[in-house]
Amino acid sequence: MFTLEAVIAGGVFLVVLAVLAWSLLRRHARTTKRSERPRVEAFYVGALAAFAVFLVT
């Protein structure tokens, strides 16, 4: 059981790390429009909620 939990935790860590790196690169490029940010934030919140539901289940 510990192995499954370690794999899930590692996957979540990699996804969060990838989202962080992507957002930093996007911010650095300054090519995003102001109206596009709420969609990105909504996607991020949805992904975190999905992970939380998966882990609780």
PDB file of N, CA and C in Angstrom:
ATOM      1  N   MET A   1       0.816  -1.188   0.000  1.00  0.00           N
ATOM      2  CA  MET A   1       0.000   0.000   0.000  1.00  0.00           C
ATOM      3  C   MET A   1       0.865   1.259   0.000  1.00  0.00           C
ATOM      4  N   PHE A   2       1.987   1.227   0.700  1.00  0.00           N
ATOM      5  CA  PHE A   2       2.868   2.392   0.744  1.00  0.00           C
ATOM      6  C   PHE A   2       3.397   2.732  -0.643  1.00  0.00           C
ATOM      7  N   THR A   3       3.654   1.717  -1.453  1.00  0.00           N
ATOM      8  CA  THR A   3       4.173   1.963  -2.799  1.00  0.00           C
ATOM      9  C   THR A   3       3.155   2.729  -3.641  1.00  0.00           C
ATOM     10  N   LEU A   4       1.897   2.354  -3.558  1.00  0.00           N
ATOM     11  CA  LEU A   4       0.856   3.062  -4.296  1.00  0.00           C
ATOM     12  C   LEU A   4       0.765   4.515  -3.838  1.00  0.00           C
ATOM     13  N   GLU A   5       0.822   4.747  -2.548  1.00  0.00           N
ATOM     14  CA  GLU A   5       0.771   6.110  -2.025  1.00  0.00           C
ATOM     15  C   GLU A   5       1.983   6.925  -2.470  1.00  0.00           C
ATOM     16  N   ALA A   6       3.146   6.295  -2.504  1.00  0.00           N
ATOM     17  CA  ALA A   6       4.355   6.989  -2.938  1.00  0.00           C
ATOM     18  C   ALA A   6       4.264   7.361  -4.422  1.00  0.00           C
ATOM     19  N   VAL A   7       3.701   6.487  -5.223  1.00  0.00           N
ATOM     20  CA  VAL A   7       3.545   6.770  -6.658  1.00  0.00           C
ATOM     21  C   VAL A   7       2.565   7.919  -6.857  1.00  0.00           C
ATOM     22  N   ILE A   8       1.459   7.909  -6.120  1.00  0.00           N
ATOM     23  CA  ILE A   8       0.478   8.991  -6.231  1.00  0.00           C
ATOM     24  C   ILE A   8       1.096  10.308  -5.779  1.00  0.00           C
ATOM     25  N   ALA A   9       1.792  10.303  -4.654  1.00  0.00           N
ATOM     26  CA  ALA A   9       2.424  11.520  -4.156  1.00  0.00           C
ATOM     27  C   ALA A   9       3.467  12.040  -5.148  1.00  0.00           C
ATOM     28  N   GLY A  10       4.229  11.147  -5.733  1.00  0.00           N
ATOM     29  CA  GLY A  10       5.224  11.553  -6.731  1.00  0.00           C
ATOM     30  C   GLY A  10       4.573  12.144  -7.962  1.00  0.00           C
ATOM     31  N   GLY A  11       3.467  11.554  -8.403  1.00  0.00           N
ATOM     32  CA  GLY A  11       2.740  12.079  -9.553  1.00  0.00           C
ATOM     33  C   GLY A  11       2.176  13.464  -9.288  1.00  0.00           C
ATOM     34  N   VAL A  12       1.588  13.642  -8.109  1.00  0.00           N
ATOM     35  CA  VAL A  12       1.045  14.950  -7.738  1.00  0.00           C
ATOM     36  C   VAL A  12       2.156  15.981  -7.672  1.00  0.00           C
ATOM     37  N   PHE A  13       3.291  15.610  -7.093  1.00  0.00           N
ATOM     38  CA  PHE A  13       4.420  16.531  -7.010  1.00  0.00           C
ATOM     39  C   PHE A  13       4.894  16.943  -8.400  1.00  0.00           C
ATOM     40  N   LEU A  14       5.003  15.987  -9.304  1.00  0.00           N
ATOM     41  CA  LEU A  14       5.458  16.312 -10.657  1.00  0.00           C
ATOM     42  C   LEU A  14       4.469  17.210 -11.396  1.00  0.00           C
ATOM     43  N   VAL A  15       3.183  16.966 -11.215  1.00  0.00           N
ATOM     44  CA  VAL A  15       2.180  17.795 -11.878  1.00  0.00           C
ATOM     45  C   VAL A  15       2.222  19.220 -11.329  1.00  0.00           C
ATOM     46  N   VAL A  16       2.304  19.358 -10.004  1.00  0.00           N
ATOM     47  CA  VAL A  16       2.368  20.691  -9.405  1.00  0.00           C
ATOM     48  C   VAL A  16       3.639  21.414  -9.842  1.00  0.00           C
ATOM     49  N   LEU A  17       4.747  20.695  -9.890  1.00  0.00           N
ATOM     50  CA  LEU A  17       6.007  21.277 -10.346  1.00  0.00           C
ATOM     51  C   LEU A  17       5.906  21.725 -11.807  1.00  0.00           C
ATOM     52  N   ALA A  18       5.271  20.916 -12.645  1.00  0.00           N
ATOM     53  CA  ALA A  18       5.112  21.276 -14.054  1.00  0.00           C
ATOM     54  C   ALA A  18       4.217  22.503 -14.212  1.00  0.00           C
ATOM     55  N   VAL A  19       3.135  22.575 -13.449  1.00  0.00           N
ATOM     56  CA  VAL A  19       2.244  23.738 -13.518  1.00  0.00           C
ATOM     57  C   VAL A  19       2.966  24.994 -13.050  1.00  0.00           C
ATOM     58  N   LEU A  20       3.758  24.863 -12.003  1.00  0.00           N
ATOM     59  CA  LEU A  20       4.518  26.009 -11.512  1.00  0.00           C
ATOM     60  C   LEU A  20       5.521  26.491 -12.559  1.00  0.00           C
ATOM     61  N   ALA A  21       6.263  25.567 -13.158  1.00  0.00           N
ATOM     62  CA  ALA A  21       7.240  25.935 -14.176  1.00  0.00           C
ATOM     63  C   ALA A  21       6.548  26.563 -15.383  1.00  0.00           C
ATOM     64  N   TRP A  22       5.425  26.001 -15.792  1.00  0.00           N
ATOM     65  CA  TRP A  22       4.681  26.537 -16.935  1.00  0.00           C
ATOM     66  C   TRP A  22       4.197  27.954 -16.649  1.00  0.00           C
ATOM     67  N   SER A  23       3.676  28.163 -15.448  1.00  0.00           N
ATOM     68  CA  SER A  23       3.175  29.498 -15.127  1.00  0.00           C
ATOM     69  C   SER A  23       4.305  30.518 -15.038  1.00  0.00           C
ATOM     70  N   LEU A  24       5.456  30.115 -14.533  1.00  0.00           N
ATOM     71  CA  LEU A  24       6.592  31.025 -14.482  1.00  0.00           C
ATOM     72  C   LEU A  24       7.092  31.382 -15.876  1.00  0.00           C
ATOM     73  N   LEU A  25       7.117  30.402 -16.757  1.00  0.00           N
ATOM     74  CA  LEU A  25       7.544  30.679 -18.129  1.00  0.00           C
ATOM     75  C   LEU A  25       6.549  31.584 -18.835  1.00  0.00           C
ATOM     76  N   ARG A  26       5.271  31.355 -18.615  1.00  0.00           N
ATOM     77  CA  ARG A  26       4.246  32.200 -19.234  1.00  0.00           C
ATOM     78  C   ARG A  26       4.335  33.630 -18.708  1.00  0.00           C
ATOM     79  N   ARG A  27       4.580  33.755 -17.411  1.00  0.00           N
ATOM     80  CA  ARG A  27       4.682  35.098 -16.827  1.00  0.00           C
ATOM     81  C   ARG A  27       5.915  35.811 -17.359  1.00  0.00           C
ATOM     82  N   HIS A  28       6.998  35.062 -17.492  1.00  0.00           N
ATOM     83  CA  HIS A  28       8.233  35.654 -18.001  1.00  0.00           C
ATOM     84  C   HIS A  28       8.059  36.143 -19.433  1.00  0.00           C
ATOM     85  N   ALA A  29       7.350  35.403 -20.223  1.00  0.00           N
ATOM     86  CA  ALA A  29       7.161  35.778 -21.617  1.00  0.00           C
ATOM     87  C   ALA A  29       6.215  36.973 -21.759  1.00  0.00           C
ATOM     88  N   ARG A  30       5.337  37.151 -20.793  1.00  0.00           N
ATOM     89  CA  ARG A  30       4.371  38.265 -20.807  1.00  0.00           C
ATOM     90  C   ARG A  30       3.530  38.288 -22.073  1.00  0.00           C
ATOM     91  N   THR A  31       3.202  37.093 -22.559  1.00  0.00           N
ATOM     92  CA  THR A  31       2.378  37.032 -23.760  1.00  0.00           C
ATOM     93  C   THR A  31       0.924  36.730 -23.437  1.00  0.00           C
ATOM     94  N   THR A  32       0.617  36.508 -22.165  1.00  0.00           N
ATOM     95  CA  THR A  32      -0.760  36.189 -21.817  1.00  0.00           C
ATOM     96  C   THR A  32      -1.610  37.446 -21.784  1.00  0.00           C
ATOM     97  N   LYS A  33      -2.847  37.282 -22.134  1.00  0.00           N
ATOM     98  CA  LYS A  33      -3.799  38.378 -22.065  1.00  0.00           C
ATOM     99  C   LYS A  33      -4.472  38.356 -20.706  1.00  0.00           C
ATOM    100  N   ARG A  34      -4.942  39.474 -20.279  1.00  0.00           N
ATOM    101  CA  ARG A  34      -5.606  39.566 -18.976  1.00  0.00           C
ATOM    102  C   ARG A  34      -6.860  38.708 -18.922  1.00  0.00           C
ATOM    103  N   SER A  35      -7.604  38.607 -20.017  1.00  0.00           N
ATOM    104  CA  SER A  35      -8.849  37.846 -20.031  1.00  0.00           C
ATOM    105  C   SER A  35      -8.599  36.339 -20.029  1.00  0.00           C
ATOM    106  N   GLU A  36      -7.382  35.903 -20.330  1.00  0.00           N
ATOM    107  CA  GLU A  36      -7.079  34.479 -20.393  1.00  0.00           C
ATOM    108  C   GLU A  36      -6.777  33.902 -19.009  1.00  0.00           C
ATOM    109  N   ARG A  37      -6.363  34.715 -18.079  1.00  0.00           N
ATOM    110  CA  ARG A  37      -5.954  34.230 -16.764  1.00  0.00           C
ATOM    111  C   ARG A  37      -7.045  33.532 -15.974  1.00  0.00           C
ATOM    112  N   PRO A  38      -8.279  34.029 -15.955  1.00  0.00           N
ATOM    113  CA  PRO A  38      -9.303  33.312 -15.191  1.00  0.00           C
ATOM    114  C   PRO A  38      -9.522  31.881 -15.674  1.00  0.00           C
ATOM    115  N   ARG A  39      -9.386  31.634 -16.976  1.00  0.00           N
ATOM    116  CA  ARG A  39      -9.518  30.268 -17.490  1.00  0.00           C
ATOM    117  C   ARG A  39      -8.393  29.392 -16.975  1.00  0.00           C
ATOM    118  N   VAL A  40      -7.186  29.904 -16.955  1.00  0.00           N
ATOM    119  CA  VAL A  40      -6.046  29.142 -16.468  1.00  0.00           C
ATOM    120  C   VAL A  40      -6.212  28.855 -14.980  1.00  0.00           C
ATOM    121  N   GLU A  41      -6.647  29.850 -14.223  1.00  0.00           N
ATOM    122  CA  GLU A  41      -6.854  29.653 -12.796  1.00  0.00           C
ATOM    123  C   GLU A  41      -7.970  28.653 -12.537  1.00  0.00           C
ATOM    124  N   ALA A  42      -9.022  28.696 -13.324  1.00  0.00           N
ATOM    125  CA  ALA A  42     -10.121  27.737 -13.163  1.00  0.00           C
ATOM    126  C   ALA A  42      -9.642  26.319 -13.472  1.00  0.00           C
ATOM    127  N   PHE A  43      -8.810  26.168 -14.494  1.00  0.00           N
ATOM    128  CA  PHE A  43      -8.251  24.852 -14.810  1.00  0.00           C
ATOM    129  C   PHE A  43      -7.383  24.350 -13.665  1.00  0.00           C
ATOM    130  N   TYR A  44      -6.573  25.215 -13.092  1.00  0.00           N
ATOM    131  CA  TYR A  44      -5.695  24.843 -11.982  1.00  0.00           C
ATOM    132  C   TYR A  44      -6.510  24.401 -10.774  1.00  0.00           C
ATOM    133  N   VAL A  45      -7.551  25.147 -10.441  1.00  0.00           N
ATOM    134  CA  VAL A  45      -8.398  24.786  -9.307  1.00  0.00           C
ATOM    135  C   VAL A  45      -9.110  23.464  -9.577  1.00  0.00           C
ATOM    136  N   GLY A  46      -9.570  23.270 -10.790  1.00  0.00           N
ATOM    137  CA  GLY A  46     -10.222  22.005 -11.142  1.00  0.00           C
ATOM    138  C   GLY A  46      -9.282  20.822 -11.043  1.00  0.00           C
ATOM    139  N   ALA A  47      -8.040  21.004 -11.482  1.00  0.00           N
ATOM    140  CA  ALA A  47      -7.060  19.919 -11.397  1.00  0.00           C
ATOM    141  C   ALA A  47      -6.746  19.585  -9.941  1.00  0.00           C
ATOM    142  N   LEU A  48      -6.585  20.587  -9.106  1.00  0.00           N
ATOM    143  CA  LEU A  48      -6.334  20.329  -7.690  1.00  0.00           C
ATOM    144  C   LEU A  48      -7.522  19.652  -7.023  1.00  0.00           C
ATOM    145  N   ALA A  49      -8.723  20.057  -7.381  1.00  0.00           N
ATOM    146  CA  ALA A  49      -9.917  19.427  -6.826  1.00  0.00           C
ATOM    147  C   ALA A  49     -10.010  17.962  -7.265  1.00  0.00           C
ATOM    148  N   ALA A  50      -9.674  17.699  -8.513  1.00  0.00           N
ATOM    149  CA  ALA A  50      -9.700  16.308  -9.000  1.00  0.00           C
ATOM    150  C   ALA A  50      -8.695  15.447  -8.241  1.00  0.00           C
ATOM    151  N   PHE A  51      -7.500  15.968  -7.997  1.00  0.00           N
ATOM    152  CA  PHE A  51      -6.514  15.223  -7.220  1.00  0.00           C
ATOM    153  C   PHE A  51      -7.014  14.975  -5.805  1.00  0.00           C
ATOM    154  N   ALA A  52      -7.632  15.979  -5.199  1.00  0.00           N
ATOM    155  CA  ALA A  52      -8.140  15.819  -3.840  1.00  0.00           C
ATOM    156  C   ALA A  52      -9.217  14.740  -3.804  1.00  0.00           C
ATOM    157  N   VAL A  53     -10.125  14.749  -4.746  1.00  0.00           N
ATOM    158  CA  VAL A  53     -11.177  13.727  -4.797  1.00  0.00           C
ATOM    159  C   VAL A  53     -10.571  12.356  -4.999  1.00  0.00           C
ATOM    160  N   PHE A  54      -9.598  12.254  -5.893  1.00  0.00           N
ATOM    161  CA  PHE A  54      -8.939  10.967  -6.139  1.00  0.00           C
ATOM    162  C   PHE A  54      -8.256  10.440  -4.877  1.00  0.00           C
ATOM    163  N   LEU A  55      -7.540  11.313  -4.172  1.00  0.00           N
ATOM    164  CA  LEU A  55      -6.831  10.875  -2.980  1.00  0.00           C
ATOM    165  C   LEU A  55      -7.794  10.490  -1.854  1.00  0.00           C
ATOM    166  N   VAL A  56      -8.894  11.191  -1.715  1.00  0.00           N
ATOM    167  CA  VAL A  56      -9.863  10.857  -0.679  1.00  0.00           C
ATOM    168  C   VAL A  56     -10.565   9.540  -0.996  1.00  0.00           C
ATOM    169  N   THR A  57     -10.831   9.326  -2.276  1.00  0.00           N
ATOM    170  CA  THR A  57     -11.500   8.090  -2.681  1.00  0.00           C
ATOM    171  C   THR A  57     -10.559   6.934  -2.516  1.00  0.00           C
TER     172      THR A  57
END
